[in-house]
């Protein structure tokens, strides 16, 4: 796997970078305070975590023949005060829709965190990652 980043300042934003993936995709990364032209690199990592675990949970629930109709994963993260300002804690909130088995959802989230999510595995050495699962009406699963 190959990726690169190129500094691409412009008149309105001297802190703009273009990241390129081997598969041909480009992502604008904005390190300015406004983040007007794209997420910061650290925000992109958090977005990648949400996406990575979402892929796992959807795949696992489909294999379990669970009628999933919606999924949103939100990450609430705290960073260290000192440099490098890596993540200290990350709380993932899984909001699912569908007539789902509680056990199937809990198992899918646990499998993603403990076995399949590469981004979670990379971050878990530095950050404590916790998960919360919410039912469609907003009530957390016990």
N, C-alpha and C. Protein backbone atom coordinates (compact mmCIF):
# COMPACT_ATOMS: atom_id res chain seq x y z
N UNK A 1 0.84 -1.16 0.00
CA UNK A 1 0.00 0.00 0.00
C UNK A 1 0.90 1.23 0.00
N UNK A 2 0.54 2.20 -0.82
CA UNK A 2 1.32 3.42 -0.93
C UNK A 2 0.38 4.62 -0.81
N UNK A 3 0.80 5.62 -0.07
CA UNK A 3 0.06 6.87 0.03
C UNK A 3 1.07 8.01 0.05
N UNK A 4 0.62 9.18 -0.34
CA UNK A 4 1.48 10.35 -0.30
C UNK A 4 0.66 11.57 0.06
N UNK A 5 1.36 12.62 0.45
CA UNK A 5 0.72 13.88 0.75
C UNK A 5 1.59 14.99 0.17
N UNK A 6 0.93 15.95 -0.47
CA UNK A 6 1.65 17.06 -1.09
C UNK A 6 1.10 18.37 -0.55
N UNK A 7 1.99 19.24 -0.15
CA UNK A 7 1.59 20.56 0.33
C UNK A 7 1.10 21.37 -0.87
N UNK A 8 -0.14 21.87 -0.78
CA UNK A 8 -0.77 22.59 -1.88
C UNK A 8 -1.36 23.91 -1.38
N UNK A 9 -0.51 24.81 -0.87
CA UNK A 9 -1.05 26.08 -0.35
C UNK A 9 -1.68 26.90 -1.47
N UNK A 10 -2.67 27.70 -1.10
CA UNK A 10 -3.25 28.63 -2.05
C UNK A 10 -3.44 29.98 -1.35
N UNK A 11 -3.96 30.96 -2.07
CA UNK A 11 -4.10 32.33 -1.53
C UNK A 11 -4.90 32.35 -0.24
N UNK A 12 -5.97 31.56 -0.18
CA UNK A 12 -6.85 31.61 0.99
C UNK A 12 -6.45 30.62 2.08
N UNK A 13 -5.60 29.64 1.75
CA UNK A 13 -5.25 28.64 2.74
C UNK A 13 -3.82 28.14 2.55
N UNK A 14 -2.89 28.66 3.35
CA UNK A 14 -1.50 28.19 3.23
C UNK A 14 -1.25 26.86 3.92
N UNK A 15 -2.26 26.27 4.54
CA UNK A 15 -2.10 25.02 5.30
C UNK A 15 -2.92 23.88 4.69
N UNK A 16 -2.94 23.81 3.38
CA UNK A 16 -3.72 22.80 2.68
C UNK A 16 -2.80 21.74 2.09
N UNK A 17 -3.20 20.49 2.24
CA UNK A 17 -2.44 19.35 1.72
C UNK A 17 -3.38 18.47 0.92
N UNK A 18 -2.85 17.78 -0.07
CA UNK A 18 -3.61 16.80 -0.86
C UNK A 18 -2.97 15.44 -0.63
N UNK A 19 -3.74 14.55 -0.04
CA UNK A 19 -3.28 13.19 0.18
C UNK A 19 -3.76 12.33 -0.98
N UNK A 20 -2.91 11.43 -1.42
CA UNK A 20 -3.21 10.56 -2.57
C UNK A 20 -3.03 9.10 -2.15
N UNK A 21 -3.96 8.28 -2.57
CA UNK A 21 -3.85 6.85 -2.28
C UNK A 21 -3.40 6.10 -3.52
N UNK A 22 -2.87 4.93 -3.29
CA UNK A 22 -2.42 4.08 -4.40
C UNK A 22 -3.59 3.73 -5.33
N UNK A 23 -4.81 3.69 -4.77
CA UNK A 23 -5.98 3.35 -5.59
C UNK A 23 -6.49 4.54 -6.40
N UNK A 24 -5.82 5.68 -6.28
CA UNK A 24 -6.16 6.82 -7.14
C UNK A 24 -7.06 7.86 -6.51
N UNK A 25 -7.34 7.76 -5.25
CA UNK A 25 -8.22 8.73 -4.59
C UNK A 25 -7.42 9.86 -3.97
N UNK A 26 -8.07 11.02 -3.88
CA UNK A 26 -7.45 12.20 -3.31
C UNK A 26 -8.32 12.73 -2.18
N UNK A 27 -7.66 13.19 -1.14
CA UNK A 27 -8.36 13.75 0.01
C UNK A 27 -7.68 15.05 0.39
N UNK A 28 -8.46 16.12 0.52
CA UNK A 28 -7.91 17.40 0.99
C UNK A 28 -7.80 17.33 2.50
N UNK A 29 -6.63 17.70 3.02
CA UNK A 29 -6.40 17.77 4.46
C UNK A 29 -6.02 19.19 4.80
N UNK A 30 -6.73 19.77 5.76
CA UNK A 30 -6.57 21.18 6.09
C UNK A 30 -6.11 21.31 7.53
N UNK A 31 -4.90 21.81 7.72
CA UNK A 31 -4.36 21.94 9.07
C UNK A 31 -4.57 23.33 9.66
N UNK A 32 -5.32 24.18 8.96
CA UNK A 32 -5.63 25.50 9.51
C UNK A 32 -6.66 25.36 10.63
N UNK A 33 -6.82 26.41 11.40
CA UNK A 33 -7.79 26.37 12.51
C UNK A 33 -9.22 26.18 12.03
N UNK A 34 -9.53 26.66 10.84
CA UNK A 34 -10.92 26.60 10.35
C UNK A 34 -11.28 25.24 9.76
N UNK A 35 -10.31 24.51 9.26
CA UNK A 35 -10.56 23.24 8.55
C UNK A 35 -11.62 23.43 7.45
N UNK A 36 -11.60 24.58 6.81
CA UNK A 36 -12.60 24.91 5.81
C UNK A 36 -12.50 24.07 4.54
N UNK A 37 -11.30 23.59 4.23
CA UNK A 37 -11.10 22.88 2.97
C UNK A 37 -10.98 21.37 3.12
N UNK A 38 -11.16 20.87 4.33
CA UNK A 38 -11.10 19.44 4.56
C UNK A 38 -10.79 19.16 6.01
N UNK A 39 -10.87 17.89 6.39
CA UNK A 39 -10.56 17.54 7.77
C UNK A 39 -9.06 17.67 8.04
N UNK A 40 -8.73 17.79 9.31
CA UNK A 40 -7.31 17.72 9.68
C UNK A 40 -6.87 16.26 9.57
N UNK A 41 -5.57 15.99 9.52
CA UNK A 41 -5.13 14.60 9.49
C UNK A 41 -5.66 13.78 10.67
N UNK A 42 -5.72 14.39 11.86
CA UNK A 42 -6.20 13.66 13.04
C UNK A 42 -7.71 13.39 12.92
N UNK A 43 -8.45 14.37 12.40
CA UNK A 43 -9.88 14.13 12.16
C UNK A 43 -10.08 13.00 11.15
N UNK A 44 -9.22 12.96 10.14
CA UNK A 44 -9.33 11.91 9.12
C UNK A 44 -9.10 10.53 9.74
N UNK A 45 -8.18 10.44 10.70
CA UNK A 45 -7.95 9.16 11.38
C UNK A 45 -9.21 8.74 12.14
N UNK A 46 -9.84 9.69 12.83
CA UNK A 46 -11.06 9.38 13.56
C UNK A 46 -12.18 8.97 12.60
N UNK A 47 -12.28 9.66 11.47
CA UNK A 47 -13.26 9.28 10.45
C UNK A 47 -12.98 7.88 9.92
N UNK A 48 -11.70 7.56 9.74
CA UNK A 48 -11.32 6.23 9.26
C UNK A 48 -11.72 5.16 10.27
N UNK A 49 -11.56 5.45 11.56
CA UNK A 49 -11.97 4.49 12.59
C UNK A 49 -13.46 4.23 12.51
N UNK A 50 -14.26 5.29 12.42
CA UNK A 50 -15.72 5.11 12.32
C UNK A 50 -16.09 4.29 11.09
N UNK A 51 -15.45 4.58 9.97
CA UNK A 51 -15.74 3.86 8.73
C UNK A 51 -15.30 2.41 8.80
N UNK A 52 -14.12 2.17 9.33
CA UNK A 52 -13.58 0.81 9.41
C UNK A 52 -14.48 -0.09 10.27
N UNK A 53 -14.85 0.39 11.43
CA UNK A 53 -15.69 -0.44 12.30
C UNK A 53 -17.10 -0.58 11.72
N UNK A 54 -17.58 0.44 11.01
CA UNK A 54 -18.89 0.34 10.36
C UNK A 54 -18.91 -0.77 9.33
N UNK A 55 -17.86 -0.84 8.53
CA UNK A 55 -17.76 -1.89 7.50
C UNK A 55 -17.83 -3.27 8.16
N UNK A 56 -17.10 -3.43 9.25
CA UNK A 56 -17.09 -4.71 9.96
C UNK A 56 -18.48 -5.07 10.49
N UNK A 57 -19.10 -4.12 11.17
CA UNK A 57 -20.39 -4.39 11.81
C UNK A 57 -21.45 -4.73 10.77
N UNK A 58 -21.48 -3.98 9.67
CA UNK A 58 -22.45 -4.28 8.60
C UNK A 58 -22.20 -5.68 8.05
N UNK A 59 -20.95 -6.01 7.76
CA UNK A 59 -20.61 -7.31 7.21
C UNK A 59 -20.99 -8.45 8.16
N UNK A 60 -20.65 -8.29 9.42
CA UNK A 60 -20.94 -9.34 10.41
C UNK A 60 -22.44 -9.52 10.58
N UNK A 61 -23.17 -8.42 10.68
CA UNK A 61 -24.63 -8.54 10.86
C UNK A 61 -25.30 -9.13 9.62
N UNK A 62 -24.79 -8.83 8.44
CA UNK A 62 -25.34 -9.45 7.22
C UNK A 62 -25.09 -10.96 7.25
N UNK A 63 -23.88 -11.36 7.65
CA UNK A 63 -23.57 -12.79 7.72
C UNK A 63 -24.44 -13.50 8.74
N UNK A 64 -24.83 -12.77 9.79
CA UNK A 64 -25.72 -13.34 10.81
C UNK A 64 -27.19 -13.22 10.41
N UNK A 65 -27.42 -12.73 9.19
CA UNK A 65 -28.77 -12.56 8.63
C UNK A 65 -29.65 -11.64 9.50
N UNK A 66 -29.02 -10.62 10.03
CA UNK A 66 -29.74 -9.63 10.83
C UNK A 66 -30.27 -8.53 9.89
N UNK A 67 -31.52 -8.13 10.05
CA UNK A 67 -32.13 -7.14 9.15
C UNK A 67 -31.73 -5.70 9.50
N UNK A 68 -30.46 -5.38 9.31
CA UNK A 68 -29.95 -4.04 9.58
C UNK A 68 -30.48 -3.08 8.52
N UNK A 69 -31.06 -1.96 8.95
CA UNK A 69 -31.55 -0.96 7.99
C UNK A 69 -30.82 0.37 8.11
N UNK A 70 -29.99 0.52 9.13
CA UNK A 70 -29.23 1.75 9.27
C UNK A 70 -28.16 1.64 10.33
N UNK A 71 -27.07 2.34 10.11
CA UNK A 71 -25.98 2.35 11.08
C UNK A 71 -25.23 3.68 10.98
N UNK A 72 -25.04 4.31 12.12
CA UNK A 72 -24.18 5.49 12.23
C UNK A 72 -23.24 5.24 13.39
N UNK A 73 -21.96 5.44 13.17
CA UNK A 73 -20.98 5.33 14.24
C UNK A 73 -20.38 6.71 14.44
N UNK A 74 -20.44 7.18 15.67
CA UNK A 74 -19.90 8.49 16.03
C UNK A 74 -18.78 8.28 17.03
N UNK A 75 -17.68 8.99 16.83
CA UNK A 75 -16.53 8.89 17.74
C UNK A 75 -16.40 10.19 18.53
N UNK A 76 -16.28 10.04 19.84
CA UNK A 76 -16.03 11.16 20.75
C UNK A 76 -14.63 10.92 21.31
N UNK A 77 -13.69 11.78 20.94
CA UNK A 77 -12.29 11.53 21.32
C UNK A 77 -11.71 12.67 22.14
N UNK A 78 -10.81 12.29 23.01
CA UNK A 78 -10.02 13.25 23.78
C UNK A 78 -8.56 13.03 23.41
N UNK A 79 -7.84 14.15 23.23
CA UNK A 79 -6.43 14.07 22.89
C UNK A 79 -5.58 14.48 24.08
N UNK A 80 -4.38 14.00 24.09
CA UNK A 80 -3.43 14.38 25.14
C UNK A 80 -3.10 15.87 25.01
N UNK A 81 -2.79 16.50 26.13
CA UNK A 81 -2.43 17.91 26.12
C UNK A 81 -1.02 18.13 25.58
N UNK A 82 -0.13 17.16 25.83
CA UNK A 82 1.26 17.31 25.41
C UNK A 82 1.47 16.66 24.03
N UNK A 83 2.56 17.05 23.40
CA UNK A 83 2.89 16.51 22.09
C UNK A 83 3.63 15.19 22.24
N UNK A 84 3.42 14.22 21.38
CA UNK A 84 2.45 14.27 20.30
C UNK A 84 1.03 14.15 20.86
N UNK A 85 0.12 14.94 20.33
CA UNK A 85 -1.25 15.02 20.86
C UNK A 85 -2.10 13.87 20.34
N UNK A 86 -1.68 12.66 20.63
CA UNK A 86 -2.41 11.47 20.19
C UNK A 86 -3.70 11.33 20.98
N UNK A 87 -4.55 10.46 20.51
CA UNK A 87 -5.81 10.21 21.22
C UNK A 87 -5.53 9.51 22.54
N UNK A 88 -6.22 9.95 23.56
CA UNK A 88 -6.12 9.34 24.88
C UNK A 88 -7.30 8.41 25.11
N UNK A 89 -8.50 8.90 24.78
CA UNK A 89 -9.70 8.08 24.88
C UNK A 89 -10.56 8.31 23.64
N UNK A 90 -11.23 7.24 23.23
CA UNK A 90 -12.17 7.32 22.12
C UNK A 90 -13.41 6.52 22.53
N UNK A 91 -14.55 7.18 22.49
CA UNK A 91 -15.82 6.50 22.78
C UNK A 91 -16.59 6.42 21.47
N UNK A 92 -16.83 5.19 21.02
CA UNK A 92 -17.59 4.95 19.80
C UNK A 92 -19.04 4.71 20.17
N UNK A 93 -19.94 5.44 19.52
CA UNK A 93 -21.36 5.26 19.74
C UNK A 93 -21.95 4.69 18.45
N UNK A 94 -22.51 3.49 18.55
CA UNK A 94 -23.12 2.79 17.42
C UNK A 94 -24.63 2.99 17.50
N UNK A 95 -25.21 3.63 16.51
CA UNK A 95 -26.67 3.80 16.43
C UNK A 95 -27.16 2.92 15.28
N UNK A 96 -27.94 1.92 15.63
CA UNK A 96 -28.39 0.95 14.64
C UNK A 96 -29.89 0.98 14.50
N UNK A 97 -30.35 0.64 13.28
CA UNK A 97 -31.78 0.50 13.03
C UNK A 97 -32.02 -0.88 12.42
N UNK A 98 -33.17 -1.44 12.76
CA UNK A 98 -33.55 -2.75 12.26
C UNK A 98 -34.03 -3.61 13.40
N UNK A 99 -34.70 -4.69 13.07
CA UNK A 99 -35.17 -5.64 14.08
C UNK A 99 -34.00 -6.58 14.40
N UNK A 100 -33.12 -6.09 15.24
CA UNK A 100 -31.84 -6.76 15.47
C UNK A 100 -31.80 -7.49 16.79
N UNK A 101 -31.09 -8.60 16.81
CA UNK A 101 -30.82 -9.33 18.04
C UNK A 101 -29.77 -8.57 18.83
N UNK A 102 -30.04 -8.33 20.09
CA UNK A 102 -29.10 -7.63 20.97
C UNK A 102 -27.75 -8.35 20.98
N UNK A 103 -27.78 -9.66 21.11
CA UNK A 103 -26.53 -10.43 21.16
C UNK A 103 -25.76 -10.32 19.85
N UNK A 104 -26.46 -10.37 18.73
CA UNK A 104 -25.79 -10.27 17.43
C UNK A 104 -25.08 -8.93 17.28
N UNK A 105 -25.71 -7.85 17.73
CA UNK A 105 -25.11 -6.52 17.65
C UNK A 105 -23.90 -6.43 18.57
N UNK A 106 -24.05 -6.88 19.80
CA UNK A 106 -22.94 -6.85 20.76
C UNK A 106 -21.75 -7.67 20.24
N UNK A 107 -22.05 -8.84 19.68
CA UNK A 107 -20.99 -9.69 19.13
C UNK A 107 -20.30 -9.01 17.94
N UNK A 108 -21.07 -8.37 17.07
CA UNK A 108 -20.50 -7.70 15.90
C UNK A 108 -19.58 -6.56 16.31
N UNK A 109 -20.00 -5.77 17.28
CA UNK A 109 -19.18 -4.65 17.75
C UNK A 109 -17.91 -5.18 18.41
N UNK A 110 -18.04 -6.22 19.21
CA UNK A 110 -16.86 -6.80 19.89
C UNK A 110 -15.90 -7.40 18.87
N UNK A 111 -16.41 -8.10 17.88
CA UNK A 111 -15.53 -8.69 16.85
C UNK A 111 -14.79 -7.61 16.07
N UNK A 112 -15.50 -6.53 15.76
CA UNK A 112 -14.85 -5.44 15.05
C UNK A 112 -13.71 -4.87 15.90
N UNK A 113 -14.00 -4.58 17.15
CA UNK A 113 -12.99 -3.96 18.03
C UNK A 113 -11.81 -4.88 18.29
N UNK A 114 -12.09 -6.15 18.56
CA UNK A 114 -11.05 -7.06 19.04
C UNK A 114 -10.37 -7.89 17.96
N UNK A 115 -10.96 -7.93 16.75
CA UNK A 115 -10.39 -8.82 15.75
C UNK A 115 -10.22 -8.20 14.36
N UNK A 116 -11.23 -7.50 13.86
CA UNK A 116 -11.23 -7.14 12.45
C UNK A 116 -10.81 -5.71 12.11
N UNK A 117 -11.12 -4.74 12.92
CA UNK A 117 -10.88 -3.34 12.54
C UNK A 117 -9.40 -2.98 12.66
N UNK A 118 -8.76 -2.81 11.52
CA UNK A 118 -7.34 -2.49 11.49
C UNK A 118 -7.06 -1.12 12.11
N UNK A 119 -7.93 -0.17 11.89
CA UNK A 119 -7.71 1.17 12.44
C UNK A 119 -7.81 1.13 13.96
N UNK A 120 -8.77 0.39 14.47
CA UNK A 120 -8.90 0.24 15.92
C UNK A 120 -7.66 -0.42 16.50
N UNK A 121 -7.15 -1.42 15.83
CA UNK A 121 -5.94 -2.11 16.30
C UNK A 121 -4.75 -1.15 16.35
N UNK A 122 -4.65 -0.27 15.37
CA UNK A 122 -3.54 0.69 15.35
C UNK A 122 -3.66 1.73 16.45
N UNK A 123 -4.87 2.13 16.77
CA UNK A 123 -5.09 3.18 17.77
C UNK A 123 -5.11 2.65 19.20
N UNK A 124 -5.48 1.39 19.38
CA UNK A 124 -5.69 0.87 20.72
C UNK A 124 -4.41 0.78 21.56
N UNK A 125 -3.25 0.85 20.94
CA UNK A 125 -2.01 0.85 21.70
C UNK A 125 -1.79 2.15 22.46
N UNK A 126 -2.40 3.22 22.00
CA UNK A 126 -2.25 4.53 22.63
C UNK A 126 -3.52 5.04 23.30
N UNK A 127 -4.66 4.63 22.79
CA UNK A 127 -5.93 5.16 23.29
C UNK A 127 -6.80 4.06 23.86
N UNK A 128 -7.57 4.41 24.86
CA UNK A 128 -8.59 3.50 25.38
C UNK A 128 -9.83 3.71 24.53
N UNK A 129 -10.27 2.64 23.88
CA UNK A 129 -11.44 2.72 23.00
C UNK A 129 -12.59 1.97 23.65
N UNK A 130 -13.70 2.66 23.84
CA UNK A 130 -14.89 2.04 24.41
C UNK A 130 -16.02 2.14 23.39
N UNK A 131 -17.04 1.31 23.60
CA UNK A 131 -18.17 1.28 22.68
C UNK A 131 -19.48 1.37 23.44
N UNK A 132 -20.42 2.06 22.82
CA UNK A 132 -21.78 2.17 23.34
C UNK A 132 -22.72 1.87 22.18
N UNK A 133 -23.73 1.07 22.43
CA UNK A 133 -24.68 0.69 21.39
C UNK A 133 -26.04 1.28 21.74
N UNK A 134 -26.66 1.96 20.77
CA UNK A 134 -27.97 2.56 20.99
C UNK A 134 -29.01 1.94 20.09
N UNK A 135 -30.16 1.70 20.65
CA UNK A 135 -31.31 1.21 19.91
C UNK A 135 -31.93 2.37 19.12
N UNK A 136 -32.84 2.06 18.20
CA UNK A 136 -33.45 3.11 17.40
C UNK A 136 -34.10 4.24 18.21
N UNK A 137 -34.62 3.93 19.39
CA UNK A 137 -35.26 4.97 20.18
C UNK A 137 -34.26 5.74 21.06
N UNK A 138 -32.96 5.43 20.87
CA UNK A 138 -31.93 6.16 21.58
C UNK A 138 -31.51 5.54 22.90
N UNK A 139 -32.15 4.45 23.31
CA UNK A 139 -31.79 3.81 24.57
C UNK A 139 -30.58 2.92 24.37
N UNK A 140 -29.57 3.04 25.22
CA UNK A 140 -28.41 2.16 25.08
C UNK A 140 -28.78 0.72 25.43
N UNK A 141 -28.13 -0.22 24.75
CA UNK A 141 -28.32 -1.62 25.11
C UNK A 141 -27.63 -1.87 26.44
N UNK A 142 -28.26 -2.63 27.33
CA UNK A 142 -27.60 -2.92 28.62
C UNK A 142 -26.39 -3.81 28.44
